[in-house]
Amino acid sequence: MAEGMALVKSSTDLQPLCYEHHVLMRPVQILLKGDMYPAPTLAYTCSEPGCLIHYNSPTGYFIIPMPDVTCPHHSLPMYLAEVNPQNRSFRLWRCPQCDAIHTNEESLSGL
């Protein structure tokens, strides 16, 4: 290697760990939202079931899909209020202003 030349690793040489589970992340192709013409992008995803943590070198760590659950009354982002360990896909979302709820198993409703 010539003097002054930096050795640059390709993104496929990376071996990032999930910052939450401390396990080796696996490479995946993703489409990043927000691009006018999204192209497949190399990223890494946690190998733990249900983990949404990803990594790529331009962005760093990020979570996809970002939940986009909003209250139909106030258009405020709802927060995750409850999960069910026996049904890992269950999510209960609640509005911080009016207590409206939404689950992935039923439609929006008030309490």
C-alpha atoms as a PDB file:
ATOM      1  CA  MET A   1       0.000   0.000   0.000  1.00  0.00           C
ATOM      2  CA  ALA A   2       1.360   3.394  -0.958  1.00  0.00           C
ATOM      3  CA  GLU A   3       2.233   5.835   1.800  1.00  0.00           C
ATOM      4  CA  GLY A   4      -0.621   8.193   2.649  1.00  0.00           C
ATOM      5  CA  MET A   5      -3.344   5.886   1.319  1.00  0.00           C
ATOM      6  CA  ALA A   6      -5.987   5.000   3.864  1.00  0.00           C
ATOM      7  CA  LEU A   7      -7.355   1.494   4.059  1.00  0.00           C
ATOM      8  CA  VAL A   8     -11.126   1.745   3.751  1.00  0.00           C
ATOM      9  CA  LYS A   9     -13.287  -1.199   4.753  1.00  0.00           C
ATOM     10  CA  SER A  10     -16.326  -1.926   2.655  1.00  0.00           C
ATOM     11  CA  SER A  11     -19.644  -1.871   4.453  1.00  0.00           C
ATOM     12  CA  THR A  12     -19.884  -5.650   4.005  1.00  0.00           C
ATOM     13  CA  ASP A  13     -16.792  -6.031   6.232  1.00  0.00           C
ATOM     14  CA  LEU A  14     -18.575  -4.434   9.201  1.00  0.00           C
ATOM     15  CA  GLN A  15     -19.734  -6.564  12.116  1.00  0.00           C
ATOM     16  CA  PRO A  16     -21.895  -4.222  14.213  1.00  0.00           C
ATOM     17  CA  LEU A  17     -23.540  -5.384  17.422  1.00  0.00           C
ATOM     18  CA  CYS A  18     -27.072  -4.417  18.411  1.00  0.00           C
ATOM     19  CA  TYR A  19     -26.744  -1.808  21.158  1.00  0.00           C
ATOM     20  CA  GLU A  20     -29.769  -3.270  22.978  1.00  0.00           C
ATOM     21  CA  HIS A  21     -29.147  -7.038  22.744  1.00  0.00           C
ATOM     22  CA  HIS A  22     -25.360  -7.107  22.149  1.00  0.00           C
ATOM     23  CA  VAL A  23     -25.685  -9.692  19.361  1.00  0.00           C
ATOM     24  CA  LEU A  24     -24.129  -9.632  15.916  1.00  0.00           C
ATOM     25  CA  MET A  25     -26.370  -7.840  13.421  1.00  0.00           C
ATOM     26  CA  ARG A  26     -27.012  -9.399   9.989  1.00  0.00           C
ATOM     27  CA  PRO A  27     -26.855  -7.575   6.622  1.00  0.00           C
ATOM     28  CA  VAL A  28     -30.140  -6.756   4.846  1.00  0.00           C
ATOM     29  CA  GLN A  29     -31.280  -4.632   1.913  1.00  0.00           C
ATOM     30  CA  ILE A  30     -33.756  -1.873   2.884  1.00  0.00           C
ATOM     31  CA  LEU A  31     -35.539   1.048   1.232  1.00  0.00           C
ATOM     32  CA  LEU A  32     -35.173   4.215   3.289  1.00  0.00           C
ATOM     33  CA  LYS A  33     -38.308   6.373   3.480  1.00  0.00           C
ATOM     34  CA  GLY A  34     -37.995   9.964   2.375  1.00  0.00           C
ATOM     35  CA  ASP A  35     -35.909   9.408  -0.742  1.00  0.00           C
ATOM     36  CA  MET A  36     -37.588  10.622  -3.918  1.00  0.00           C
ATOM     37  CA  TYR A  37     -36.434   7.458  -5.697  1.00  0.00           C
ATOM     38  CA  PRO A  38     -35.545   4.972  -2.976  1.00  0.00           C
ATOM     39  CA  ALA A  39     -32.933   2.432  -3.952  1.00  0.00           C
ATOM     40  CA  PRO A  40     -32.011  -0.677  -1.989  1.00  0.00           C
ATOM     41  CA  THR A  41     -29.496   0.239   0.695  1.00  0.00           C
ATOM     42  CA  LEU A  42     -27.256  -2.110   2.671  1.00  0.00           C
ATOM     43  CA  ALA A  43     -28.002  -2.007   6.389  1.00  0.00           C
ATOM     44  CA  TYR A  44     -27.707  -4.353   9.343  1.00  0.00           C
ATOM     45  CA  THR A  45     -30.569  -5.590  11.500  1.00  0.00           C
ATOM     46  CA  CYS A  46     -30.627  -7.156  14.951  1.00  0.00           C
ATOM     47  CA  SER A  47     -31.103 -10.922  14.878  1.00  0.00           C
ATOM     48  CA  GLU A  48     -33.350 -10.910  17.980  1.00  0.00           C
ATOM     49  CA  PRO A  49     -37.036 -11.477  17.086  1.00  0.00           C
ATOM     50  CA  GLY A  50     -39.067  -8.271  17.271  1.00  0.00           C
ATOM     51  CA  CYS A  51     -36.056  -5.942  17.547  1.00  0.00           C
ATOM     52  CA  LEU A  52     -36.337  -2.920  15.235  1.00  0.00           C
ATOM     53  CA  ILE A  53     -32.759  -1.649  15.610  1.00  0.00           C
ATOM     54  CA  HIS A  54     -30.767  -1.211  12.393  1.00  0.00           C
ATOM     55  CA  TYR A  55     -27.362   0.206  11.475  1.00  0.00           C
ATOM     56  CA  ASN A  56     -25.698   1.541   8.347  1.00  0.00           C
ATOM     57  CA  SER A  57     -22.515   3.549   7.999  1.00  0.00           C
ATOM     58  CA  PRO A  58     -23.963   6.834   6.667  1.00  0.00           C
ATOM     59  CA  THR A  59     -26.748   7.023   9.290  1.00  0.00           C
ATOM     60  CA  GLY A  60     -25.483   5.037  12.280  1.00  0.00           C
ATOM     61  CA  TYR A  61     -28.033   3.230  14.441  1.00  0.00           C
ATOM     62  CA  PHE A  62     -31.715   3.769  13.661  1.00  0.00           C
ATOM     63  CA  ILE A  63     -35.069   2.093  14.201  1.00  0.00           C
ATOM     64  CA  ILE A  64     -37.413   1.031  11.393  1.00  0.00           C
ATOM     65  CA  PRO A  65     -40.209   0.951  10.912  1.00  0.00           C
ATOM     66  CA  MET A  66     -40.794   4.021  12.999  1.00  0.00           C
ATOM     67  CA  PRO A  67     -44.278   3.751  14.482  1.00  0.00           C
ATOM     68  CA  ASP A  68     -46.631   6.254  12.889  1.00  0.00           C
ATOM     69  CA  VAL A  69     -49.698   6.036  15.126  1.00  0.00           C
ATOM     70  CA  THR A  70     -51.543   9.327  15.542  1.00  0.00           C
ATOM     71  CA  CYS A  71     -54.711  10.292  17.376  1.00  0.00           C
ATOM     72  CA  PRO A  72     -57.593  10.928  14.974  1.00  0.00           C
ATOM     73  CA  HIS A  73     -58.864  13.736  17.254  1.00  0.00           C
ATOM     74  CA  HIS A  74     -55.652  15.744  17.789  1.00  0.00           C
ATOM     75  CA  SER A  75     -53.208  14.368  15.204  1.00  0.00           C
ATOM     76  CA  LEU A  76     -50.734  13.930  18.061  1.00  0.00           C
ATOM     77  CA  PRO A  77     -48.355  10.977  18.046  1.00  0.00           C
ATOM     78  CA  MET A  78     -49.689   8.242  20.333  1.00  0.00           C
ATOM     79  CA  TYR A  79     -47.391   6.464  22.779  1.00  0.00           C
ATOM     80  CA  LEU A  80     -46.992   2.732  23.319  1.00  0.00           C
ATOM     81  CA  ALA A  81     -48.808   2.016  26.591  1.00  0.00           C
ATOM     82  CA  GLU A  82     -49.040  -1.768  26.745  1.00  0.00           C
ATOM     83  CA  VAL A  83     -47.655  -4.967  25.220  1.00  0.00           C
ATOM     84  CA  ASN A  84     -48.557  -8.583  25.824  1.00  0.00           C
ATOM     85  CA  PRO A  85     -45.680 -11.072  26.382  1.00  0.00           C
ATOM     86  CA  GLN A  86     -47.957 -13.969  25.371  1.00  0.00           C
ATOM     87  CA  ASN A  87     -48.863 -12.210  22.106  1.00  0.00           C
ATOM     88  CA  ARG A  88     -45.648 -10.481  21.000  1.00  0.00           C
ATOM     89  CA  SER A  89     -47.335  -8.675  18.100  1.00  0.00           C
ATOM     90  CA  PHE A  90     -49.949  -6.971  20.338  1.00  0.00           C
ATOM     91  CA  ARG A  91     -49.536  -3.196  20.793  1.00  0.00           C
ATOM     92  CA  LEU A  92     -51.819  -0.779  22.666  1.00  0.00           C
ATOM     93  CA  TRP A  93     -51.277   2.891  21.803  1.00  0.00           C
ATOM     94  CA  ARG A  94     -52.720   5.812  23.801  1.00  0.00           C
ATOM     95  CA  CYS A  95     -53.163   9.516  23.015  1.00  0.00           C
ATOM     96  CA  PRO A  96     -51.334  11.755  25.509  1.00  0.00           C
ATOM     97  CA  GLN A  97     -54.117  14.362  25.366  1.00  0.00           C
ATOM     98  CA  CYS A  98     -57.492  12.610  25.224  1.00  0.00           C
ATOM     99  CA  ASP A  99     -56.766   8.996  26.223  1.00  0.00           C
ATOM    100  CA  ALA A 100     -58.042   7.613  22.892  1.00  0.00           C
ATOM    101  CA  ILE A 101     -56.563   4.174  22.292  1.00  0.00           C
ATOM    102  CA  HIS A 102     -55.565   2.123  19.299  1.00  0.00           C
ATOM    103  CA  THR A 103     -54.471  -1.495  19.122  1.00  0.00           C
ATOM    104  CA  ASN A 104     -53.198  -3.427  16.167  1.00  0.00           C
ATOM    105  CA  GLU A 105     -56.184  -5.755  16.760  1.00  0.00           C
ATOM    106  CA  GLU A 106     -59.005  -3.178  16.705  1.00  0.00           C
ATOM    107  CA  SER A 107     -59.793   0.291  15.397  1.00  0.00           C
ATOM    108  CA  LEU A 108     -59.338   3.610  17.187  1.00  0.00           C
ATOM    109  CA  SER A 109     -61.737   4.244  20.031  1.00  0.00           C
ATOM    110  CA  GLY A 110     -62.126   6.414  23.119  1.00  0.00           C
ATOM    111  CA  LEU A 111     -62.051   5.062  26.633  1.00  0.00           C
END
